[in-house]
Every structure is written in structure tokens, then in C-alpha cells.
Amino acid sequence: MLSKWTSLSAALGIAVLLAGCSEEKVPQATEVTCAPDQYEQHLASLSKDANKQQFKDACQALLADKNKNLSDWTFKKSPKDDF
């Protein structure tokens, strides 16, 4: 009887561990993963719509921040020439 409970608890433990492995991970949004070719591959690899939307939002935020940094500048006067 003890071996049945041991076997059952071991099988249950393995099932719980394998259930945790099946969770889909959303890739981190970086310049590489948000590049057009990689972006499409990562979107195709995601099966849940919520995960796809999370990845899209992260890439849009990354690109918006990058574009903002490109457009922000200030005028700096050149030093006066003293010949």
C-alpha cells in the first residue's frame, strides 16, 4: 500500500512539474527581437493572443522611446573663433 502512495505522489509531482514547463514565455523586447524579421518570427511562435499583445506593446514602447531619443536635441552654439 505504501508503494502505491509513493508511486502516486511521484507521478503527481512529475505532472505538476511538467505543467509548469508548458507555460509560454513572452520574449523580452530588445532592438534585436523587435527588428522586422525577428518580430514576425516571435509573433508567429506565440500561441496566446494575450502574449502576442504583450509582445507588441513592449516593442512599440521600445521603438517609441528610441524614436523620442532621436528627435530630442538642443542647439549648442559653436565656440567663438579667435584668430
PDB file of N, CA and C in Angstrom:
ATOM      1  N   MET A   1       0.824  -1.189   0.000  1.00  0.00           N
ATOM      2  CA  MET A   1       0.000   0.000   0.000  1.00  0.00           C
ATOM      3  C   MET A   1       0.873   1.260   0.000  1.00  0.00           C
ATOM      4  N   LEU A   2       1.967   1.205   0.752  1.00  0.00           N
ATOM      5  CA  LEU A   2       2.867   2.353   0.826  1.00  0.00           C
ATOM      6  C   LEU A   2       3.501   2.633  -0.536  1.00  0.00           C
ATOM      7  N   SER A   3       3.845   1.570  -1.275  1.00  0.00           N
ATOM      8  CA  SER A   3       4.468   1.777  -2.586  1.00  0.00           C
ATOM      9  C   SER A   3       3.483   2.399  -3.578  1.00  0.00           C
ATOM     10  N   LYS A   4       2.179   2.103  -3.429  1.00  0.00           N
ATOM     11  CA  LYS A   4       1.177   2.711  -4.302  1.00  0.00           C
ATOM     12  C   LYS A   4       1.102   4.220  -4.057  1.00  0.00           C
ATOM     13  N   TRP A   5       1.100   4.611  -2.781  1.00  0.00           N
ATOM     14  CA  TRP A   5       1.048   6.032  -2.451  1.00  0.00           C
ATOM     15  C   TRP A   5       2.322   6.748  -2.891  1.00  0.00           C
ATOM     16  N   THR A   6       3.442   6.077  -2.765  1.00  0.00           N
ATOM     17  CA  THR A   6       4.714   6.657  -3.186  1.00  0.00           C
ATOM     18  C   THR A   6       4.721   6.862  -4.698  1.00  0.00           C
ATOM     19  N   SER A   7       4.267   5.846  -5.422  1.00  0.00           N
ATOM     20  CA  SER A   7       4.216   5.938  -6.879  1.00  0.00           C
ATOM     21  C   SER A   7       3.233   7.021  -7.322  1.00  0.00           C
ATOM     22  N   LEU A   8       2.096   7.074  -6.649  1.00  0.00           N
ATOM     23  CA  LEU A   8       1.090   8.079  -6.988  1.00  0.00           C
ATOM     24  C   LEU A   8       1.594   9.493  -6.721  1.00  0.00           C
ATOM     25  N   SER A   9       2.252   9.684  -5.590  1.00  0.00           N
ATOM     26  CA  SER A   9       2.762  11.014  -5.267  1.00  0.00           C
ATOM     27  C   SER A   9       3.903  11.407  -6.205  1.00  0.00           C
ATOM     28  N   ALA A  10       4.733  10.440  -6.613  1.00  0.00           N
ATOM     29  CA  ALA A  10       5.811  10.736  -7.557  1.00  0.00           C
ATOM     30  C   ALA A  10       5.230  11.122  -8.915  1.00  0.00           C
ATOM     31  N   ALA A  11       4.218  10.395  -9.369  1.00  0.00           N
ATOM     32  CA  ALA A  11       3.586  10.701 -10.653  1.00  0.00           C
ATOM     33  C   ALA A  11       2.907  12.058 -10.603  1.00  0.00           C
ATOM     34  N   LEU A  12       2.258  12.368  -9.500  1.00  0.00           N
ATOM     35  CA  LEU A  12       1.606  13.662  -9.342  1.00  0.00           C
ATOM     36  C   LEU A  12       2.636  14.793  -9.334  1.00  0.00           C
ATOM     37  N   GLY A  13       3.748  14.579  -8.666  1.00  0.00           N
ATOM     38  CA  GLY A  13       4.816  15.583  -8.629  1.00  0.00           C
ATOM     39  C   GLY A  13       5.388  15.847 -10.005  1.00  0.00           C
ATOM     40  N   ILE A  14       5.597  14.802 -10.786  1.00  0.00           N
ATOM     41  CA  ILE A  14       6.121  14.957 -12.147  1.00  0.00           C
ATOM     42  C   ILE A  14       5.108  15.692 -13.021  1.00  0.00           C
ATOM     43  N   ALA A  15       3.830  15.365 -12.858  1.00  0.00           N
ATOM     44  CA  ALA A  15       2.784  16.037 -13.638  1.00  0.00           C
ATOM     45  C   ALA A  15       2.747  17.525 -13.331  1.00  0.00           C
ATOM     46  N   VAL A  16       2.893  17.882 -12.062  1.00  0.00           N
ATOM     47  CA  VAL A  16       2.888  19.293 -11.678  1.00  0.00           C
ATOM     48  C   VAL A  16       4.101  20.010 -12.258  1.00  0.00           C
ATOM     49  N   LEU A  17       5.259  19.374 -12.216  1.00  0.00           N
ATOM     50  CA  LEU A  17       6.459  19.992 -12.776  1.00  0.00           C
ATOM     51  C   LEU A  17       6.342  20.182 -14.283  1.00  0.00           C
ATOM     52  N   LEU A  18       5.793  19.201 -14.972  1.00  0.00           N
ATOM     53  CA  LEU A  18       5.647  19.318 -16.419  1.00  0.00           C
ATOM     54  C   LEU A  18       4.589  20.337 -16.798  1.00  0.00           C
ATOM     55  N   ALA A  19       3.580  20.515 -15.986  1.00  0.00           N
ATOM     56  CA  ALA A  19       2.556  21.520 -16.264  1.00  0.00           C
ATOM     57  C   ALA A  19       3.154  22.922 -16.192  1.00  0.00           C
ATOM     58  N   GLY A  20       4.101  23.127 -15.300  1.00  0.00           N
ATOM     59  CA  GLY A  20       4.774  24.425 -15.195  1.00  0.00           C
ATOM     60  C   GLY A  20       5.684  24.695 -16.375  1.00  0.00           C
ATOM     61  N   CYS A  21       6.191  23.654 -17.012  1.00  0.00           N
ATOM     62  CA  CYS A  21       7.085  23.823 -18.156  1.00  0.00           C
ATOM     63  C   CYS A  21       6.340  24.244 -19.412  1.00  0.00           C
ATOM     64  N   SER A  22       5.061  23.998 -19.465  1.00  0.00           N
ATOM     65  CA  SER A  22       4.318  24.291 -20.679  1.00  0.00           C
ATOM     66  C   SER A  22       3.915  25.758 -20.781  1.00  0.00           C
ATOM     67  N   GLU A  23       4.176  26.549 -19.769  1.00  0.00           N
ATOM     68  CA  GLU A  23       3.809  27.966 -19.801  1.00  0.00           C
ATOM     69  C   GLU A  23       4.647  28.684 -20.848  1.00  0.00           C
ATOM     70  N   GLU A  24       3.978  29.430 -21.703  1.00  0.00           N
ATOM     71  CA  GLU A  24       4.627  30.142 -22.793  1.00  0.00           C
ATOM     72  C   GLU A  24       5.271  31.422 -22.268  1.00  0.00           C
ATOM     73  N   LYS A  25       6.512  31.652 -22.640  1.00  0.00           N
ATOM     74  CA  LYS A  25       7.218  32.855 -22.203  1.00  0.00           C
ATOM     75  C   LYS A  25       7.225  33.876 -23.330  1.00  0.00           C
ATOM     76  N   VAL A  26       6.954  35.114 -22.968  1.00  0.00           N
ATOM     77  CA  VAL A  26       6.986  36.211 -23.929  1.00  0.00           C
ATOM     78  C   VAL A  26       8.432  36.683 -24.033  1.00  0.00           C
ATOM     79  N   PRO A  27       8.972  36.775 -25.256  1.00  0.00           N
ATOM     80  CA  PRO A  27      10.359  37.235 -25.392  1.00  0.00           C
ATOM     81  C   PRO A  27      10.504  38.682 -24.940  1.00  0.00           C
ATOM     82  N   GLN A  28      11.672  38.991 -24.441  1.00  0.00           N
ATOM     83  CA  GLN A  28      11.952  40.346 -23.983  1.00  0.00           C
ATOM     84  C   GLN A  28      12.093  41.260 -25.198  1.00  0.00           C
ATOM     85  N   ALA A  29      11.548  42.437 -25.116  1.00  0.00           N
ATOM     86  CA  ALA A  29      11.614  43.388 -26.226  1.00  0.00           C
ATOM     87  C   ALA A  29      12.974  44.080 -26.232  1.00  0.00           C
ATOM     88  N   THR A  30      13.754  43.805 -27.245  1.00  0.00           N
ATOM     89  CA  THR A  30      15.042  44.460 -27.452  1.00  0.00           C
ATOM     90  C   THR A  30      15.091  44.935 -28.903  1.00  0.00           C
ATOM     91  N   GLU A  31      16.146  45.628 -29.258  1.00  0.00           N
ATOM     92  CA  GLU A  31      16.279  46.078 -30.648  1.00  0.00           C
ATOM     93  C   GLU A  31      16.374  44.891 -31.594  1.00  0.00           C
ATOM     94  N   VAL A  32      16.963  43.790 -31.117  1.00  0.00           N
ATOM     95  CA  VAL A  32      17.112  42.603 -31.963  1.00  0.00           C
ATOM     96  C   VAL A  32      15.775  41.889 -32.131  1.00  0.00           C
ATOM     97  N   THR A  33      15.046  41.671 -31.042  1.00  0.00           N
ATOM     98  CA  THR A  33      13.789  40.931 -31.136  1.00  0.00           C
ATOM     99  C   THR A  33      12.682  41.761 -31.774  1.00  0.00           C
ATOM    100  N   CYS A  34      12.813  43.071 -31.779  1.00  0.00           N
ATOM    101  CA  CYS A  34      11.794  43.930 -32.394  1.00  0.00           C
ATOM    102  C   CYS A  34      12.153  44.328 -33.816  1.00  0.00           C
ATOM    103  N   ALA A  35      13.275  43.833 -34.341  1.00  0.00           N
ATOM    104  CA  ALA A  35      13.617  44.065 -35.743  1.00  0.00           C
ATOM    105  C   ALA A  35      12.559  43.364 -36.604  1.00  0.00           C
ATOM    106  N   PRO A  36      12.250  43.903 -37.791  1.00  0.00           N
ATOM    107  CA  PRO A  36      11.121  43.376 -38.567  1.00  0.00           C
ATOM    108  C   PRO A  36      11.120  41.865 -38.796  1.00  0.00           C
ATOM    109  N   ASP A  37      12.247  41.272 -39.162  1.00  0.00           N
ATOM    110  CA  ASP A  37      12.253  39.827 -39.426  1.00  0.00           C
ATOM    111  C   ASP A  37      12.079  39.010 -38.139  1.00  0.00           C
ATOM    112  N   GLN A  38      12.753  39.394 -37.076  1.00  0.00           N
ATOM    113  CA  GLN A  38      12.629  38.685 -35.803  1.00  0.00           C
ATOM    114  C   GLN A  38      11.262  38.917 -35.163  1.00  0.00           C
ATOM    115  N   TYR A  39      10.722  40.102 -35.350  1.00  0.00           N
ATOM    116  CA  TYR A  39       9.418  40.456 -34.782  1.00  0.00           C
ATOM    117  C   TYR A  39       8.344  39.498 -35.293  1.00  0.00           C
ATOM    118  N   GLU A  40       8.328  39.267 -36.589  1.00  0.00           N
ATOM    119  CA  GLU A  40       7.339  38.365 -37.183  1.00  0.00           C
ATOM    120  C   GLU A  40       7.533  36.930 -36.707  1.00  0.00           C
ATOM    121  N   GLN A  41       8.776  36.499 -36.575  1.00  0.00           N
ATOM    122  CA  GLN A  41       9.048  35.130 -36.095  1.00  0.00           C
ATOM    123  C   GLN A  41       8.583  34.956 -34.656  1.00  0.00           C
ATOM    124  N   HIS A  42       8.845  35.931 -33.815  1.00  0.00           N
ATOM    125  CA  HIS A  42       8.436  35.826 -32.413  1.00  0.00           C
ATOM    126  C   HIS A  42       6.919  35.863 -32.281  1.00  0.00           C
ATOM    127  N   LEU A  43       6.264  36.696 -33.074  1.00  0.00           N
ATOM    128  CA  LEU A  43       4.801  36.737 -33.035  1.00  0.00           C
ATOM    129  C   LEU A  43       4.205  35.407 -33.486  1.00  0.00           C
ATOM    130  N   ALA A  44       4.791  34.803 -34.512  1.00  0.00           N
ATOM    131  CA  ALA A  44       4.282  33.520 -35.001  1.00  0.00           C
ATOM    132  C   ALA A  44       4.504  32.399 -33.988  1.00  0.00           C
ATOM    133  N   SER A  45       5.543  32.514 -33.175  1.00  0.00           N
ATOM    134  CA  SER A  45       5.830  31.457 -32.199  1.00  0.00           C
ATOM    135  C   SER A  45       4.917  31.525 -30.975  1.00  0.00           C
ATOM    136  N   LEU A  46       4.282  32.664 -30.742  1.00  0.00           N
ATOM    137  CA  LEU A  46       3.388  32.811 -29.593  1.00  0.00           C
ATOM    138  C   LEU A  46       1.996  32.313 -29.958  1.00  0.00           C
ATOM    139  N   SER A  47       1.397  31.508 -29.069  1.00  0.00           N
ATOM    140  CA  SER A  47       0.083  30.942 -29.379  1.00  0.00           C
ATOM    141  C   SER A  47      -1.061  31.706 -28.722  1.00  0.00           C
ATOM    142  N   LYS A  48      -0.813  32.327 -27.592  1.00  0.00           N
ATOM    143  CA  LYS A  48      -1.884  33.041 -26.885  1.00  0.00           C
ATOM    144  C   LYS A  48      -1.959  34.490 -27.352  1.00  0.00           C
ATOM    145  N   ASP A  49      -3.176  34.965 -27.578  1.00  0.00           N
ATOM    146  CA  ASP A  49      -3.368  36.342 -28.038  1.00  0.00           C
ATOM    147  C   ASP A  49      -2.883  37.363 -27.010  1.00  0.00           C
ATOM    148  N   ALA A  50      -3.054  37.046 -25.732  1.00  0.00           N
ATOM    149  CA  ALA A  50      -2.604  37.966 -24.683  1.00  0.00           C
ATOM    150  C   ALA A  50      -1.082  38.119 -24.717  1.00  0.00           C
ATOM    151  N   ASN A  51      -0.363  37.023 -24.968  1.00  0.00           N
ATOM    152  CA  ASN A  51       1.092  37.087 -25.046  1.00  0.00           C
ATOM    153  C   ASN A  51       1.540  37.854 -26.294  1.00  0.00           C
ATOM    154  N   LYS A  52       0.805  37.662 -27.406  1.00  0.00           N
ATOM    155  CA  LYS A  52       1.131  38.414 -28.621  1.00  0.00           C
ATOM    156  C   LYS A  52       0.956  39.910 -28.394  1.00  0.00           C
ATOM    157  N   GLN A  53      -0.143  40.270 -27.729  1.00  0.00           N
ATOM    158  CA  GLN A  53      -0.410  41.683 -27.465  1.00  0.00           C
ATOM    159  C   GLN A  53       0.635  42.278 -26.517  1.00  0.00           C
ATOM    160  N   GLN A  54       1.053  41.492 -25.529  1.00  0.00           N
ATOM    161  CA  GLN A  54       2.074  41.965 -24.596  1.00  0.00           C
ATOM    162  C   GLN A  54       3.389  42.217 -25.327  1.00  0.00           C
ATOM    163  N   PHE A  55       3.765  41.322 -26.244  1.00  0.00           N
ATOM    164  CA  PHE A  55       4.999  41.497 -27.011  1.00  0.00           C
ATOM    165  C   PHE A  55       4.888  42.707 -27.942  1.00  0.00           C
ATOM    166  N   LYS A  56       3.730  42.877 -28.601  1.00  0.00           N
ATOM    167  CA  LYS A  56       3.529  44.029 -29.482  1.00  0.00           C
ATOM    168  C   LYS A  56       3.652  45.339 -28.706  1.00  0.00           C
ATOM    169  N   ASP A  57       3.015  45.394 -27.541  1.00  0.00           N
ATOM    170  CA  ASP A  57       3.060  46.609 -26.722  1.00  0.00           C
ATOM    171  C   ASP A  57       4.479  46.922 -26.266  1.00  0.00           C
ATOM    172  N   ALA A  58       5.221  45.883 -25.887  1.00  0.00           N
ATOM    173  CA  ALA A  58       6.594  46.091 -25.419  1.00  0.00           C
ATOM    174  C   ALA A  58       7.470  46.612 -26.556  1.00  0.00           C
ATOM    175  N   CYS A  59       7.295  46.066 -27.760  1.00  0.00           N
ATOM    176  CA  CYS A  59       8.090  46.535 -28.904  1.00  0.00           C
ATOM    177  C   CYS A  59       7.713  47.960 -29.290  1.00  0.00           C
ATOM    178  N   GLN A  60       6.423  48.273 -29.257  1.00  0.00           N
ATOM    179  CA  GLN A  60       6.000  49.630 -29.586  1.00  0.00           C
ATOM    180  C   GLN A  60       6.551  50.635 -28.583  1.00  0.00           C
ATOM    181  N   ALA A  61       6.568  50.273 -27.313  1.00  0.00           N
ATOM    182  CA  ALA A  61       7.111  51.163 -26.292  1.00  0.00           C
ATOM    183  C   ALA A  61       8.615  51.357 -26.489  1.00  0.00           C
ATOM    184  N   LEU A  62       9.309  50.277 -26.826  1.00  0.00           N
ATOM    185  CA  LEU A  62      10.756  50.361 -27.049  1.00  0.00           C
ATOM    186  C   LEU A  62      11.059  51.259 -28.249  1.00  0.00           C
ATOM    187  N   LEU A  63      10.330  51.060 -29.336  1.00  0.00           N
ATOM    188  CA  LEU A  63      10.580  51.857 -30.532  1.00  0.00           C
ATOM    189  C   LEU A  63      10.168  53.315 -30.345  1.00  0.00           C
ATOM    190  N   ALA A  64       9.100  53.559 -29.600  1.00  0.00           N
ATOM    191  CA  ALA A  64       8.683  54.938 -29.335  1.00  0.00           C
ATOM    192  C   ALA A  64       9.735  55.661 -28.505  1.00  0.00           C
ATOM    193  N   ASP A  65      10.295  54.967 -27.519  1.00  0.00           N
ATOM    194  CA  ASP A  65      11.338  55.566 -26.683  1.00  0.00           C
ATOM    195  C   ASP A  65      12.590  55.839 -27.511  1.00  0.00           C
ATOM    196  N   LYS A  66      12.939  54.912 -28.392  1.00  0.00           N
ATOM    197  CA  LYS A  66      14.116  55.089 -29.236  1.00  0.00           C
ATOM    198  C   LYS A  66      13.919  56.267 -30.183  1.00  0.00           C
ATOM    199  N   ASN A  67      12.725  56.371 -30.793  1.00  0.00           N
ATOM    200  CA  ASN A  67      12.449  57.472 -31.718  1.00  0.00           C
ATOM    201  C   ASN A  67      12.414  58.811 -30.992  1.00  0.00           C
ATOM    202  N   LYS A  68      11.943  58.819 -29.753  1.00  0.00           N
ATOM    203  CA  LYS A  68      11.916  60.064 -28.986  1.00  0.00           C
ATOM    204  C   LYS A  68      13.336  60.548 -28.725  1.00  0.00           C
ATOM    205  N   ASN A  69      14.229  59.598 -28.418  1.00  0.00           N
ATOM    206  CA  ASN A  69      15.616  59.983 -28.175  1.00  0.00           C
ATOM    207  C   ASN A  69      16.270  60.532 -29.439  1.00  0.00           C
ATOM    208  N   LEU A  70      15.860  60.038 -30.603  1.00  0.00           N
ATOM    209  CA  LEU A  70      16.429  60.535 -31.850  1.00  0.00           C
ATOM    210  C   LEU A  70      15.938  61.938 -32.175  1.00  0.00           C
ATOM    211  N   SER A  71      14.730  62.267 -31.773  1.00  0.00           N
ATOM    212  CA  SER A  71      14.173  63.570 -32.125  1.00  0.00           C
ATOM    213  C   SER A  71      14.449  64.643 -31.067  1.00  0.00           C
ATOM    214  N   ASP A  72      14.878  64.275 -29.889  1.00  0.00           N
ATOM    215  CA  ASP A  72      15.192  65.255 -28.851  1.00  0.00           C
ATOM    216  C   ASP A  72      16.618  65.770 -29.034  1.00  0.00           C
ATOM    217  N   TRP A  73      16.741  67.066 -29.231  1.00  0.00           N
ATOM    218  CA  TRP A  73      18.062  67.661 -29.327  1.00  0.00           C
ATOM    219  C   TRP A  73      17.964  69.119 -28.921  1.00  0.00           C
ATOM    220  N   THR A  74      19.104  69.678 -28.609  1.00  0.00           N
ATOM    221  CA  THR A  74      19.163  71.092 -28.256  1.00  0.00           C
ATOM    222  C   THR A  74      20.259  71.755 -29.080  1.00  0.00           C
ATOM    223  N   PHE A  75      20.066  73.018 -29.351  1.00  0.00           N
ATOM    224  CA  PHE A  75      21.045  73.766 -30.119  1.00  0.00           C
ATOM    225  C   PHE A  75      22.235  74.103 -29.227  1.00  0.00           C
ATOM    226  N   LYS A  76      23.420  73.782 -29.719  1.00  0.00           N
ATOM    227  CA  LYS A  76      24.640  74.134 -28.993  1.00  0.00           C
ATOM    228  C   LYS A  76      25.465  75.050 -29.893  1.00  0.00           C
ATOM    229  N   LYS A  77      25.720  76.222 -29.394  1.00  0.00           N
ATOM    230  CA  LYS A  77      26.457  77.222 -30.149  1.00  0.00           C
ATOM    231  C   LYS A  77      27.915  76.817 -30.253  1.00  0.00           C
ATOM    232  N   SER A  78      28.482  77.040 -31.420  1.00  0.00           N
ATOM    233  CA  SER A  78      29.900  76.748 -31.610  1.00  0.00           C
ATOM    234  C   SER A  78      30.744  77.745 -30.825  1.00  0.00           C
ATOM    235  N   PRO A  79      31.929  77.348 -30.422  1.00  0.00           N
ATOM    236  CA  PRO A  79      32.780  78.300 -29.701  1.00  0.00           C
ATOM    237  C   PRO A  79      33.230  79.425 -30.642  1.00  0.00           C
ATOM    238  N   LYS A  80      33.420  80.578 -30.082  1.00  0.00           N
ATOM    239  CA  LYS A  80      33.800  81.770 -30.860  1.00  0.00           C
ATOM    240  C   LYS A  80      35.215  81.576 -31.393  1.00  0.00           C
ATOM    241  N   ASP A  81      35.357  81.888 -32.687  1.00  0.00           N
ATOM    242  CA  ASP A  81      36.694  81.783 -33.299  1.00  0.00           C
ATOM    243  C   ASP A  81      37.533  82.968 -32.858  1.00  0.00           C
ATOM    244  N   ASP A  82      38.747  82.700 -32.488  1.00  0.00           N
ATOM    245  CA  ASP A  82      39.628  83.764 -32.010  1.00  0.00           C
ATOM    246  C   ASP A  82      40.928  83.650 -32.807  1.00  0.00           C
ATOM    247  N   PHE A  83      40.977  84.371 -33.961  1.00  0.00           N
ATOM    248  CA  PHE A  83      42.151  84.272 -34.831  1.00  0.00           C
ATOM    249  C   PHE A  83      43.129  85.361 -34.551  1.00  0.00           C
TER     250      PHE A  83
END
